[in-house]
mmCIF file of all heavy atoms, coordinates in Angstrom:
data_MODEL
# 
_entry.id   MODEL 
# 
loop_
_atom_site.group_PDB 
_atom_site.id 
_atom_site.type_symbol 
_atom_site.label_atom_id 
_atom_site.label_alt_id 
_atom_site.label_comp_id 
_atom_site.label_asym_id 
_atom_site.label_entity_id 
_atom_site.label_seq_id 
_atom_site.pdbx_PDB_ins_code 
_atom_site.Cartn_x 
_atom_site.Cartn_y 
_atom_site.Cartn_z 
_atom_site.occupancy 
_atom_site.B_iso_or_equiv 
_atom_site.pdbx_formal_charge 
_atom_site.auth_seq_id 
_atom_site.auth_comp_id 
_atom_site.auth_asym_id 
_atom_site.auth_atom_id 
_atom_site.pdbx_PDB_model_num 
ATOM 1   N N   . ALA A 1 1  ? 2.246  18.535 -9.619  1.00 0.00 ? 1  ALA A N   1 
ATOM 2   C CA  . ALA A 1 1  ? 3.599  17.964 -9.540  1.00 0.00 ? 1  ALA A CA  1 
ATOM 3   C C   . ALA A 1 1  ? 3.625  16.540 -10.095 1.00 0.00 ? 1  ALA A C   1 
ATOM 4   O O   . ALA A 1 1  ? 4.527  16.158 -10.847 1.00 0.00 ? 1  ALA A O   1 
ATOM 5   C CB  . ALA A 1 1  ? 4.094  17.974 -8.092  1.00 0.00 ? 1  ALA A CB  1 
ATOM 6   N N   . ALA A 1 2  ? 2.618  15.739 -9.740  1.00 0.00 ? 2  ALA A N   1 
ATOM 7   C CA  . ALA A 1 2  ? 2.548  14.367 -10.245 1.00 0.00 ? 2  ALA A CA  1 
ATOM 8   C C   . ALA A 1 2  ? 2.335  14.354 -11.757 1.00 0.00 ? 2  ALA A C   1 
ATOM 9   O O   . ALA A 1 2  ? 2.923  13.529 -12.471 1.00 0.00 ? 2  ALA A O   1 
ATOM 10  C CB  . ALA A 1 2  ? 1.425  13.614 -9.543  1.00 0.00 ? 2  ALA A CB  1 
ATOM 11  N N   . ALA A 1 3  ? 1.509  15.284 -12.247 1.00 0.00 ? 3  ALA A N   1 
ATOM 12  C CA  . ALA A 1 3  ? 1.249  15.354 -13.694 1.00 0.00 ? 3  ALA A CA  1 
ATOM 13  C C   . ALA A 1 3  ? 2.521  15.720 -14.458 1.00 0.00 ? 3  ALA A C   1 
ATOM 14  O O   . ALA A 1 3  ? 2.821  15.129 -15.508 1.00 0.00 ? 3  ALA A O   1 
ATOM 15  C CB  . ALA A 1 3  ? 0.141  16.368 -13.973 1.00 0.00 ? 3  ALA A CB  1 
ATOM 16  N N   . VAL A 1 4  ? 3.286  16.684 -13.932 1.00 0.00 ? 4  VAL A N   1 
ATOM 17  C CA  . VAL A 1 4  ? 4.518  17.084 -14.607 1.00 0.00 ? 4  VAL A CA  1 
ATOM 18  C C   . VAL A 1 4  ? 5.544  15.951 -14.543 1.00 0.00 ? 4  VAL A C   1 
ATOM 19  O O   . VAL A 1 4  ? 6.291  15.719 -15.504 1.00 0.00 ? 4  VAL A O   1 
ATOM 20  C CB  . VAL A 1 4  ? 5.092  18.385 -13.997 1.00 0.00 ? 4  VAL A CB  1 
ATOM 21  C CG1 . VAL A 1 4  ? 6.373  18.794 -14.730 1.00 0.00 ? 4  VAL A CG1 1 
ATOM 22  C CG2 . VAL A 1 4  ? 4.079  19.518 -14.087 1.00 0.00 ? 4  VAL A CG2 1 
ATOM 23  N N   . TRP A 1 5  ? 5.570  15.230 -13.414 1.00 0.00 ? 5  TRP A N   1 
ATOM 24  C CA  . TRP A 1 5  ? 6.472  14.069 -13.318 1.00 0.00 ? 5  TRP A CA  1 
ATOM 25  C C   . TRP A 1 5  ? 6.193  13.097 -14.461 1.00 0.00 ? 5  TRP A C   1 
ATOM 26  O O   . TRP A 1 5  ? 7.112  12.622 -15.128 1.00 0.00 ? 5  TRP A O   1 
ATOM 27  C CB  . TRP A 1 5  ? 6.295  13.368 -11.971 1.00 0.00 ? 5  TRP A CB  1 
ATOM 28  C CG  . TRP A 1 5  ? 7.226  12.205 -11.798 1.00 0.00 ? 5  TRP A CG  1 
ATOM 29  C CD1 . TRP A 1 5  ? 7.015  10.906 -12.222 1.00 0.00 ? 5  TRP A CD1 1 
ATOM 30  C CD2 . TRP A 1 5  ? 8.528  12.217 -11.212 1.00 0.00 ? 5  TRP A CD2 1 
ATOM 31  N NE1 . TRP A 1 5  ? 8.101  10.123 -11.918 1.00 0.00 ? 5  TRP A NE1 1 
ATOM 32  C CE2 . TRP A 1 5  ? 9.041  10.897 -11.299 1.00 0.00 ? 5  TRP A CE2 1 
ATOM 33  C CE3 . TRP A 1 5  ? 9.302  13.215 -10.608 1.00 0.00 ? 5  TRP A CE3 1 
ATOM 34  C CZ2 . TRP A 1 5  ? 10.297 10.555 -10.807 1.00 0.00 ? 5  TRP A CZ2 1 
ATOM 35  C CZ3 . TRP A 1 5  ? 10.556 12.872 -10.115 1.00 0.00 ? 5  TRP A CZ3 1 
ATOM 36  C CH2 . TRP A 1 5  ? 11.038 11.560 -10.220 1.00 0.00 ? 5  TRP A CH2 1 
ATOM 37  N N   . ARG A 1 6  ? 4.915  12.804 -14.702 1.00 0.00 ? 6  ARG A N   1 
ATOM 38  C CA  . ARG A 1 6  ? 4.560  11.873 -15.777 1.00 0.00 ? 6  ARG A CA  1 
ATOM 39  C C   . ARG A 1 6  ? 4.892  12.450 -17.156 1.00 0.00 ? 6  ARG A C   1 
ATOM 40  O O   . ARG A 1 6  ? 5.304  11.718 -18.061 1.00 0.00 ? 6  ARG A O   1 
ATOM 41  C CB  . ARG A 1 6  ? 3.079  11.498 -15.679 1.00 0.00 ? 6  ARG A CB  1 
ATOM 42  C CG  . ARG A 1 6  ? 2.781  10.542 -14.514 1.00 0.00 ? 6  ARG A CG  1 
ATOM 43  C CD  . ARG A 1 6  ? 1.380  9.994  -14.576 1.00 0.00 ? 6  ARG A CD  1 
ATOM 44  N NE  . ARG A 1 6  ? 0.382  11.029 -14.332 1.00 0.00 ? 6  ARG A NE  1 
ATOM 45  C CZ  . ARG A 1 6  ? -0.145 11.289 -13.139 1.00 0.00 ? 6  ARG A CZ  1 
ATOM 46  N NH1 . ARG A 1 6  ? 0.220  10.582 -12.096 1.00 0.00 ? 6  ARG A NH1 1 
ATOM 47  N NH2 . ARG A 1 6  ? -1.043 12.239 -12.999 1.00 0.00 ? 6  ARG A NH2 1 
ATOM 48  N N   . GLU A 1 7  ? 4.726  13.786 -17.314 1.00 0.00 ? 7  GLU A N   1 
ATOM 49  C CA  . GLU A 1 7  ? 5.119  14.431 -18.572 1.00 0.00 ? 7  GLU A CA  1 
ATOM 50  C C   . GLU A 1 7  ? 6.613  14.243 -18.837 1.00 0.00 ? 7  GLU A C   1 
ATOM 51  O O   . GLU A 1 7  ? 7.034  13.997 -19.967 1.00 0.00 ? 7  GLU A O   1 
ATOM 52  C CB  . GLU A 1 7  ? 4.816  15.941 -18.527 1.00 0.00 ? 7  GLU A CB  1 
ATOM 53  C CG  . GLU A 1 7  ? 3.350  16.316 -18.602 1.00 0.00 ? 7  GLU A CG  1 
ATOM 54  C CD  . GLU A 1 7  ? 3.165  17.820 -18.367 1.00 0.00 ? 7  GLU A CD  1 
ATOM 55  O OE1 . GLU A 1 7  ? 4.104  18.593 -18.653 1.00 0.00 ? 7  GLU A OE1 1 
ATOM 56  O OE2 . GLU A 1 7  ? 2.081  18.216 -17.896 1.00 0.00 ? 7  GLU A OE2 1 
ATOM 57  N N   . GLU A 1 8  ? 7.399  14.368 -17.779 1.00 0.00 ? 8  GLU A N   1 
ATOM 58  C CA  . GLU A 1 8  ? 8.860  14.325 -17.915 1.00 0.00 ? 8  GLU A CA  1 
ATOM 59  C C   . GLU A 1 8  ? 9.411  12.903 -17.950 1.00 0.00 ? 8  GLU A C   1 
ATOM 60  O O   . GLU A 1 8  ? 10.341 12.603 -18.699 1.00 0.00 ? 8  GLU A O   1 
ATOM 61  C CB  . GLU A 1 8  ? 9.509  15.090 -16.751 1.00 0.00 ? 8  GLU A CB  1 
ATOM 62  C CG  . GLU A 1 8  ? 9.162  16.575 -16.696 1.00 0.00 ? 8  GLU A CG  1 
ATOM 63  C CD  . GLU A 1 8  ? 9.972  17.410 -17.655 1.00 0.00 ? 8  GLU A CD  1 
ATOM 64  O OE1 . GLU A 1 8  ? 11.169 17.141 -17.805 1.00 0.00 ? 8  GLU A OE1 1 
ATOM 65  O OE2 . GLU A 1 8  ? 9.397  18.336 -18.260 1.00 0.00 ? 8  GLU A OE2 1 
ATOM 66  N N   . PHE A 1 9  ? 8.849  12.005 -17.108 1.00 0.00 ? 9  PHE A N   1 
ATOM 67  C CA  . PHE A 1 9  ? 9.477  10.700 -16.894 1.00 0.00 ? 9  PHE A CA  1 
ATOM 68  C C   . PHE A 1 9  ? 8.570  9.503  -17.199 1.00 0.00 ? 9  PHE A C   1 
ATOM 69  O O   . PHE A 1 9  ? 8.958  8.360  -16.929 1.00 0.00 ? 9  PHE A O   1 
ATOM 70  C CB  . PHE A 1 9  ? 9.980  10.594 -15.445 1.00 0.00 ? 9  PHE A CB  1 
ATOM 71  C CG  . PHE A 1 9  ? 10.887 11.719 -15.028 1.00 0.00 ? 9  PHE A CG  1 
ATOM 72  C CD1 . PHE A 1 9  ? 10.571 12.521 -13.947 1.00 0.00 ? 9  PHE A CD1 1 
ATOM 73  C CD2 . PHE A 1 9  ? 12.057 11.981 -15.733 1.00 0.00 ? 9  PHE A CD2 1 
ATOM 74  C CE1 . PHE A 1 9  ? 11.404 13.558 -13.558 1.00 0.00 ? 9  PHE A CE1 1 
ATOM 75  C CE2 . PHE A 1 9  ? 12.900 13.018 -15.349 1.00 0.00 ? 9  PHE A CE2 1 
ATOM 76  C CZ  . PHE A 1 9  ? 12.574 13.819 -14.266 1.00 0.00 ? 9  PHE A CZ  1 
ATOM 77  N N   . GLY A 1 10 ? 7.384  9.755  -17.729 1.00 0.00 ? 10 GLY A N   1 
ATOM 78  C CA  . GLY A 1 10 ? 6.496  8.653  -18.072 1.00 0.00 ? 10 GLY A CA  1 
ATOM 79  C C   . GLY A 1 10 ? 6.068  7.855  -16.852 1.00 0.00 ? 10 GLY A C   1 
ATOM 80  O O   . GLY A 1 10 ? 5.654  8.419  -15.839 1.00 0.00 ? 10 GLY A O   1 
ATOM 81  N N   . ASP A 1 11 ? 6.213  6.529  -16.932 1.00 0.00 ? 11 ASP A N   1 
ATOM 82  C CA  . ASP A 1 11 ? 5.767  5.652  -15.839 1.00 0.00 ? 11 ASP A CA  1 
ATOM 83  C C   . ASP A 1 11 ? 6.851  5.391  -14.793 1.00 0.00 ? 11 ASP A C   1 
ATOM 84  O O   . ASP A 1 11 ? 6.634  4.609  -13.855 1.00 0.00 ? 11 ASP A O   1 
ATOM 85  C CB  . ASP A 1 11 ? 5.300  4.308  -16.419 1.00 0.00 ? 11 ASP A CB  1 
ATOM 86  C CG  . ASP A 1 11 ? 4.044  4.456  -17.272 1.00 0.00 ? 11 ASP A CG  1 
ATOM 87  O OD1 . ASP A 1 11 ? 3.257  5.377  -16.990 1.00 0.00 ? 11 ASP A OD1 1 
ATOM 88  O OD2 . ASP A 1 11 ? 3.871  3.665  -18.214 1.00 0.00 ? 11 ASP A OD2 1 
ATOM 89  N N   . GLU A 1 12 ? 8.007  6.027  -14.952 1.00 0.00 ? 12 GLU A N   1 
ATOM 90  C CA  . GLU A 1 12 ? 9.091  5.812  -13.987 1.00 0.00 ? 12 GLU A CA  1 
ATOM 91  C C   . GLU A 1 12 ? 8.675  6.313  -12.601 1.00 0.00 ? 12 GLU A C   1 
ATOM 92  O O   . GLU A 1 12 ? 8.129  7.410  -12.459 1.00 0.00 ? 12 GLU A O   1 
ATOM 93  C CB  . GLU A 1 12 ? 10.344 6.562  -14.451 1.00 0.00 ? 12 GLU A CB  1 
ATOM 94  C CG  . GLU A 1 12 ? 11.561 6.301  -13.586 1.00 0.00 ? 12 GLU A CG  1 
ATOM 95  C CD  . GLU A 1 12 ? 12.810 6.991  -14.119 1.00 0.00 ? 12 GLU A CD  1 
ATOM 96  O OE1 . GLU A 1 12 ? 12.797 7.437  -15.286 1.00 0.00 ? 12 GLU A OE1 1 
ATOM 97  O OE2 . GLU A 1 12 ? 13.789 7.078  -13.373 1.00 0.00 ? 12 GLU A OE2 1 
ATOM 98  N N   . LYS A 1 13 ? 8.924  5.494  -11.596 1.00 0.00 ? 13 LYS A N   1 
ATOM 99  C CA  . LYS A 1 13 ? 8.534  5.845  -10.228 1.00 0.00 ? 13 LYS A CA  1 
ATOM 100 C C   . LYS A 1 13 ? 9.648  6.620  -9.519  1.00 0.00 ? 13 LYS A C   1 
ATOM 101 O O   . LYS A 1 13 ? 10.835 6.436  -9.796  1.00 0.00 ? 13 LYS A O   1 
ATOM 102 C CB  . LYS A 1 13 ? 8.193  4.590  -9.423  1.00 0.00 ? 13 LYS A CB  1 
ATOM 103 C CG  . LYS A 1 13 ? 6.952  3.862  -9.918  1.00 0.00 ? 13 LYS A CG  1 
ATOM 104 C CD  . LYS A 1 13 ? 5.702  4.711  -9.744  1.00 0.00 ? 13 LYS A CD  1 
ATOM 105 C CE  . LYS A 1 13 ? 4.449  3.926  -10.110 1.00 0.00 ? 13 LYS A CE  1 
ATOM 106 N NZ  . LYS A 1 13 ? 3.224  4.735  -9.966  1.00 0.00 ? 13 LYS A NZ  1 
ATOM 107 N N   . ALA A 1 14 ? 9.233  7.464  -8.572  1.00 0.00 ? 14 ALA A N   1 
ATOM 108 C CA  . ALA A 1 14 ? 10.167 8.273  -7.804  1.00 0.00 ? 14 ALA A CA  1 
ATOM 109 C C   . ALA A 1 14 ? 10.373 7.692  -6.410  1.00 0.00 ? 14 ALA A C   1 
ATOM 110 O O   . ALA A 1 14 ? 9.473  7.063  -5.850  1.00 0.00 ? 14 ALA A O   1 
ATOM 111 C CB  . ALA A 1 14 ? 9.630  9.697  -7.661  1.00 0.00 ? 14 ALA A CB  1 
ATOM 112 N N   . ALA A 1 15 ? 11.552 7.943  -5.855  1.00 0.00 ? 15 ALA A N   1 
ATOM 113 C CA  . ALA A 1 15 ? 11.713 7.845  -4.414  1.00 0.00 ? 15 ALA A CA  1 
ATOM 114 C C   . ALA A 1 15 ? 11.253 9.202  -3.885  1.00 0.00 ? 15 ALA A C   1 
ATOM 115 O O   . ALA A 1 15 ? 11.886 10.229 -4.125  1.00 0.00 ? 15 ALA A O   1 
ATOM 116 C CB  . ALA A 1 15 ? 13.160 7.579  -4.047  1.00 0.00 ? 15 ALA A CB  1 
ATOM 117 N N   . LEU A 1 16 ? 10.100 9.209  -3.233  1.00 0.00 ? 16 LEU A N   1 
ATOM 118 C CA  . LEU A 1 16 ? 9.477  10.452 -2.789  1.00 0.00 ? 16 LEU A CA  1 
ATOM 119 C C   . LEU A 1 16 ? 9.974  10.829 -1.398  1.00 0.00 ? 16 LEU A C   1 
ATOM 120 O O   . LEU A 1 16 ? 9.742  10.104 -0.427  1.00 0.00 ? 16 LEU A O   1 
ATOM 121 C CB  . LEU A 1 16 ? 7.953  10.291 -2.769  1.00 0.00 ? 16 LEU A CB  1 
ATOM 122 C CG  . LEU A 1 16 ? 7.145  11.444 -2.169  1.00 0.00 ? 16 LEU A CG  1 
ATOM 123 C CD1 . LEU A 1 16 ? 7.299  12.715 -2.995  1.00 0.00 ? 16 LEU A CD1 1 
ATOM 124 C CD2 . LEU A 1 16 ? 5.670  11.058 -2.041  1.00 0.00 ? 16 LEU A CD2 1 
ATOM 125 N N   . VAL A 1 17 ? 10.687 11.952 -1.304  1.00 0.00 ? 17 VAL A N   1 
ATOM 126 C CA  . VAL A 1 17 ? 11.063 12.512 -0.004  1.00 0.00 ? 17 VAL A CA  1 
ATOM 127 C C   . VAL A 1 17 ? 9.940  13.463 0.368   1.00 0.00 ? 17 VAL A C   1 
ATOM 128 O O   . VAL A 1 17 ? 9.757  14.518 -0.242  1.00 0.00 ? 17 VAL A O   1 
ATOM 129 C CB  . VAL A 1 17 ? 12.420 13.243 -0.080  1.00 0.00 ? 17 VAL A CB  1 
ATOM 130 C CG1 . VAL A 1 17 ? 12.745 13.899 1.263   1.00 0.00 ? 17 VAL A CG1 1 
ATOM 131 C CG2 . VAL A 1 17 ? 13.521 12.264 -0.474  1.00 0.00 ? 17 VAL A CG2 1 
ATOM 132 N N   . PHE A 1 18 ? 9.160  13.083 1.382   1.00 0.00 ? 18 PHE A N   1 
ATOM 133 C CA  . PHE A 1 18 ? 7.889  13.756 1.661   1.00 0.00 ? 18 PHE A CA  1 
ATOM 134 C C   . PHE A 1 18 ? 7.857  14.299 3.081   1.00 0.00 ? 18 PHE A C   1 
ATOM 135 O O   . PHE A 1 18 ? 8.139  13.598 4.048   1.00 0.00 ? 18 PHE A O   1 
ATOM 136 C CB  . PHE A 1 18 ? 6.744  12.764 1.448   1.00 0.00 ? 18 PHE A CB  1 
ATOM 137 C CG  . PHE A 1 18 ? 5.368  13.333 1.699   1.00 0.00 ? 18 PHE A CG  1 
ATOM 138 C CD1 . PHE A 1 18 ? 4.930  14.470 1.048   1.00 0.00 ? 18 PHE A CD1 1 
ATOM 139 C CD2 . PHE A 1 18 ? 4.506  12.700 2.587   1.00 0.00 ? 18 PHE A CD2 1 
ATOM 140 C CE1 . PHE A 1 18 ? 3.657  14.978 1.275   1.00 0.00 ? 18 PHE A CE1 1 
ATOM 141 C CE2 . PHE A 1 18 ? 3.233  13.193 2.820   1.00 0.00 ? 18 PHE A CE2 1 
ATOM 142 C CZ  . PHE A 1 18 ? 2.809  14.340 2.161   1.00 0.00 ? 18 PHE A CZ  1 
ATOM 143 N N   . GLY A 1 19 ? 7.513  15.580 3.190   1.00 0.00 ? 19 GLY A N   1 
ATOM 144 C CA  . GLY A 1 19 ? 7.296  16.213 4.485   1.00 0.00 ? 19 GLY A CA  1 
ATOM 145 C C   . GLY A 1 19 ? 6.257  17.291 4.324   1.00 0.00 ? 19 GLY A C   1 
ATOM 146 O O   . GLY A 1 19 ? 6.079  17.839 3.224   1.00 0.00 ? 19 GLY A O   1 
ATOM 147 N N   . ILE A 1 20 ? 5.549  17.617 5.390   1.00 0.00 ? 20 ILE A N   1 
ATOM 148 C CA  . ILE A 1 20 ? 4.442  18.564 5.267   1.00 0.00 ? 20 ILE A CA  1 
ATOM 149 C C   . ILE A 1 20 ? 4.208  19.244 6.613   1.00 0.00 ? 20 ILE A C   1 
ATOM 150 O O   . ILE A 1 20 ? 4.630  18.747 7.662   1.00 0.00 ? 20 ILE A O   1 
ATOM 151 C CB  . ILE A 1 20 ? 3.167  17.826 4.788   1.00 0.00 ? 20 ILE A CB  1 
ATOM 152 C CG1 . ILE A 1 20 ? 2.140  18.804 4.216   1.00 0.00 ? 20 ILE A CG1 1 
ATOM 153 C CG2 . ILE A 1 20 ? 2.580  16.945 5.887   1.00 0.00 ? 20 ILE A CG2 1 
ATOM 154 C CD1 . ILE A 1 20 ? 1.051  18.133 3.404   1.00 0.00 ? 20 ILE A CD1 1 
ATOM 155 N N   . LEU A 1 21 ? 3.545  20.396 6.584   1.00 0.00 ? 21 LEU A N   1 
ATOM 156 C CA  . LEU A 1 21 ? 3.184  21.093 7.817   1.00 0.00 ? 21 LEU A CA  1 
ATOM 157 C C   . LEU A 1 21 ? 1.858  20.544 8.333   1.00 0.00 ? 21 LEU A C   1 
ATOM 158 O O   . LEU A 1 21 ? 0.997  20.112 7.568   1.00 0.00 ? 21 LEU A O   1 
ATOM 159 C CB  . LEU A 1 21 ? 3.082  22.599 7.565   1.00 0.00 ? 21 LEU A CB  1 
ATOM 160 C CG  . LEU A 1 21 ? 4.340  23.277 7.011   1.00 0.00 ? 21 LEU A CG  1 
ATOM 161 C CD1 . LEU A 1 21 ? 4.141  24.790 6.957   1.00 0.00 ? 21 LEU A CD1 1 
ATOM 162 C CD2 . LEU A 1 21 ? 5.575  22.938 7.835   1.00 0.00 ? 21 LEU A CD2 1 
ATOM 163 N N   . ARG A 1 22 ? 1.682  20.615 9.652   1.00 0.00 ? 22 ARG A N   1 
ATOM 164 C CA  . ARG A 1 22 ? 0.526  19.951 10.252  1.00 0.00 ? 22 ARG A CA  1 
ATOM 165 C C   . ARG A 1 22 ? -0.793 20.674 9.984   1.00 0.00 ? 22 ARG A C   1 
ATOM 166 O O   . ARG A 1 22 ? -1.872 20.113 10.217  1.00 0.00 ? 22 ARG A O   1 
ATOM 167 C CB  . ARG A 1 22 ? 0.727  19.716 11.746  1.00 0.00 ? 22 ARG A CB  1 
ATOM 168 C CG  . ARG A 1 22 ? 0.909  20.936 12.596  1.00 0.00 ? 22 ARG A CG  1 
ATOM 169 C CD  . ARG A 1 22 ? 0.980  20.559 14.078  1.00 0.00 ? 22 ARG A CD  1 
ATOM 170 N NE  . ARG A 1 22 ? 2.044  19.605 14.384  1.00 0.00 ? 22 ARG A NE  1 
ATOM 171 C CZ  . ARG A 1 22 ? 1.841  18.318 14.645  1.00 0.00 ? 22 ARG A CZ  1 
ATOM 172 N NH1 . ARG A 1 22 ? 0.623  17.807 14.602  1.00 0.00 ? 22 ARG A NH1 1 
ATOM 173 N NH2 . ARG A 1 22 ? 2.856  17.525 14.930  1.00 0.00 ? 22 ARG A NH2 1 
ATOM 174 N N   . ASP A 1 23 ? -0.740 21.918 9.500   1.00 0.00 ? 23 ASP A N   1 
ATOM 175 C CA  . ASP A 1 23 ? -2.004 22.602 9.192   1.00 0.00 ? 23 ASP A CA  1 
ATOM 176 C C   . ASP A 1 23 ? -2.446 22.363 7.750   1.00 0.00 ? 23 ASP A C   1 
ATOM 177 O O   . ASP A 1 23 ? -3.387 22.983 7.271   1.00 0.00 ? 23 ASP A O   1 
ATOM 178 C CB  . ASP A 1 23 ? -1.899 24.102 9.484   1.00 0.00 ? 23 ASP A CB  1 
ATOM 179 C CG  . ASP A 1 23 ? -0.779 24.787 8.718   1.00 0.00 ? 23 ASP A CG  1 
ATOM 180 O OD1 . ASP A 1 23 ? -0.031 24.098 8.012   1.00 0.00 ? 23 ASP A OD1 1 
ATOM 181 O OD2 . ASP A 1 23 ? -0.664 26.023 8.831   1.00 0.00 ? 23 ASP A OD2 1 
ATOM 182 N N   . LYS A 1 24 ? -1.762 21.463 7.041   1.00 0.00 ? 24 LYS A N   1 
ATOM 183 C CA  . LYS A 1 24 ? -2.131 21.101 5.672   1.00 0.00 ? 24 LYS A CA  1 
ATOM 184 C C   . LYS A 1 24 ? -2.905 19.781 5.664   1.00 0.00 ? 24 LYS A C   1 
ATOM 185 O O   . LYS A 1 24 ? -2.875 19.015 6.633   1.00 0.00 ? 24 LYS A O   1 
ATOM 186 C CB  . LYS A 1 24 ? -0.881 20.972 4.799   1.00 0.00 ? 24 LYS A CB  1 
ATOM 187 C CG  . LYS A 1 24 ? -0.032 22.235 4.707   1.00 0.00 ? 24 LYS A CG  1 
ATOM 188 C CD  . LYS A 1 24 ? -0.769 23.368 4.022   1.00 0.00 ? 24 LYS A CD  1 
ATOM 189 C CE  . LYS A 1 24 ? 0.095  24.617 3.908   1.00 0.00 ? 24 LYS A CE  1 
ATOM 190 N NZ  . LYS A 1 24 ? -0.635 25.728 3.255   1.00 0.00 ? 24 LYS A NZ  1 
ATOM 191 N N   . ASP A 1 25 ? -3.579 19.506 4.556   1.00 0.00 ? 25 ASP A N   1 
ATOM 192 C CA  . ASP A 1 25 ? -4.311 18.256 4.396   1.00 0.00 ? 25 ASP A CA  1 
ATOM 193 C C   . ASP A 1 25 ? -3.330 17.189 3.913   1.00 0.00 ? 25 ASP A C   1 
ATOM 194 O O   . ASP A 1 25 ? -3.219 16.899 2.718   1.00 0.00 ? 25 ASP A O   1 
ATOM 195 C CB  . ASP A 1 25 ? -5.454 18.451 3.389   1.00 0.00 ? 25 ASP A CB  1 
ATOM 196 C CG  . ASP A 1 25 ? -6.400 17.261 3.334   1.00 0.00 ? 25 ASP A CG  1 
ATOM 197 O OD1 . ASP A 1 25 ? -6.009 16.166 3.798   1.00 0.00 ? 25 ASP A OD1 1 
ATOM 198 O OD2 . ASP A 1 25 ? -7.512 17.421 2.818   1.00 0.00 ? 25 ASP A OD2 1 
ATOM 199 N N   . ALA A 1 26 ? -2.610 16.611 4.861   1.00 0.00 ? 26 ALA A N   1 
ATOM 200 C CA  . ALA A 1 26 ? -1.506 15.708 4.532   1.00 0.00 ? 26 ALA A CA  1 
ATOM 201 C C   . ALA A 1 26 ? -1.969 14.511 3.710   1.00 0.00 ? 26 ALA A C   1 
ATOM 202 O O   . ALA A 1 26 ? -1.306 14.112 2.747   1.00 0.00 ? 26 ALA A O   1 
ATOM 203 C CB  . ALA A 1 26 ? -0.820 15.237 5.817   1.00 0.00 ? 26 ALA A CB  1 
ATOM 204 N N   . ALA A 1 27 ? -3.100 13.929 4.062   1.00 0.00 ? 27 ALA A N   1 
ATOM 205 C CA  . ALA A 1 27 ? -3.575 12.740 3.353   1.00 0.00 ? 27 ALA A CA  1 
ATOM 206 C C   . ALA A 1 27 ? -3.914 13.067 1.909   1.00 0.00 ? 27 ALA A C   1 
ATOM 207 O O   . ALA A 1 27 ? -3.571 12.312 0.986   1.00 0.00 ? 27 ALA A O   1 
ATOM 208 C CB  . ALA A 1 27 ? -4.788 12.155 4.069   1.00 0.00 ? 27 ALA A CB  1 
ATOM 209 N N   . ALA A 1 28 ? -4.566 14.206 1.681   1.00 0.00 ? 28 ALA A N   1 
ATOM 210 C CA  . ALA A 1 28 ? -4.951 14.589 0.319   1.00 0.00 ? 28 ALA A CA  1 
ATOM 211 C C   . ALA A 1 28 ? -3.726 14.920 -0.527  1.00 0.00 ? 28 ALA A C   1 
ATOM 212 O O   . ALA A 1 28 ? -3.659 14.559 -1.706  1.00 0.00 ? 28 ALA A O   1 
ATOM 213 C CB  . ALA A 1 28 ? -5.908 15.779 0.361   1.00 0.00 ? 28 ALA A CB  1 
# 
């Protein structure tokens, strides 16, 4: 996802709306 963001928008930064399930590796 980050790689495609850079393909599409270059160095432009996103406001990241981030949520995850607790059985995932949230930090990674």
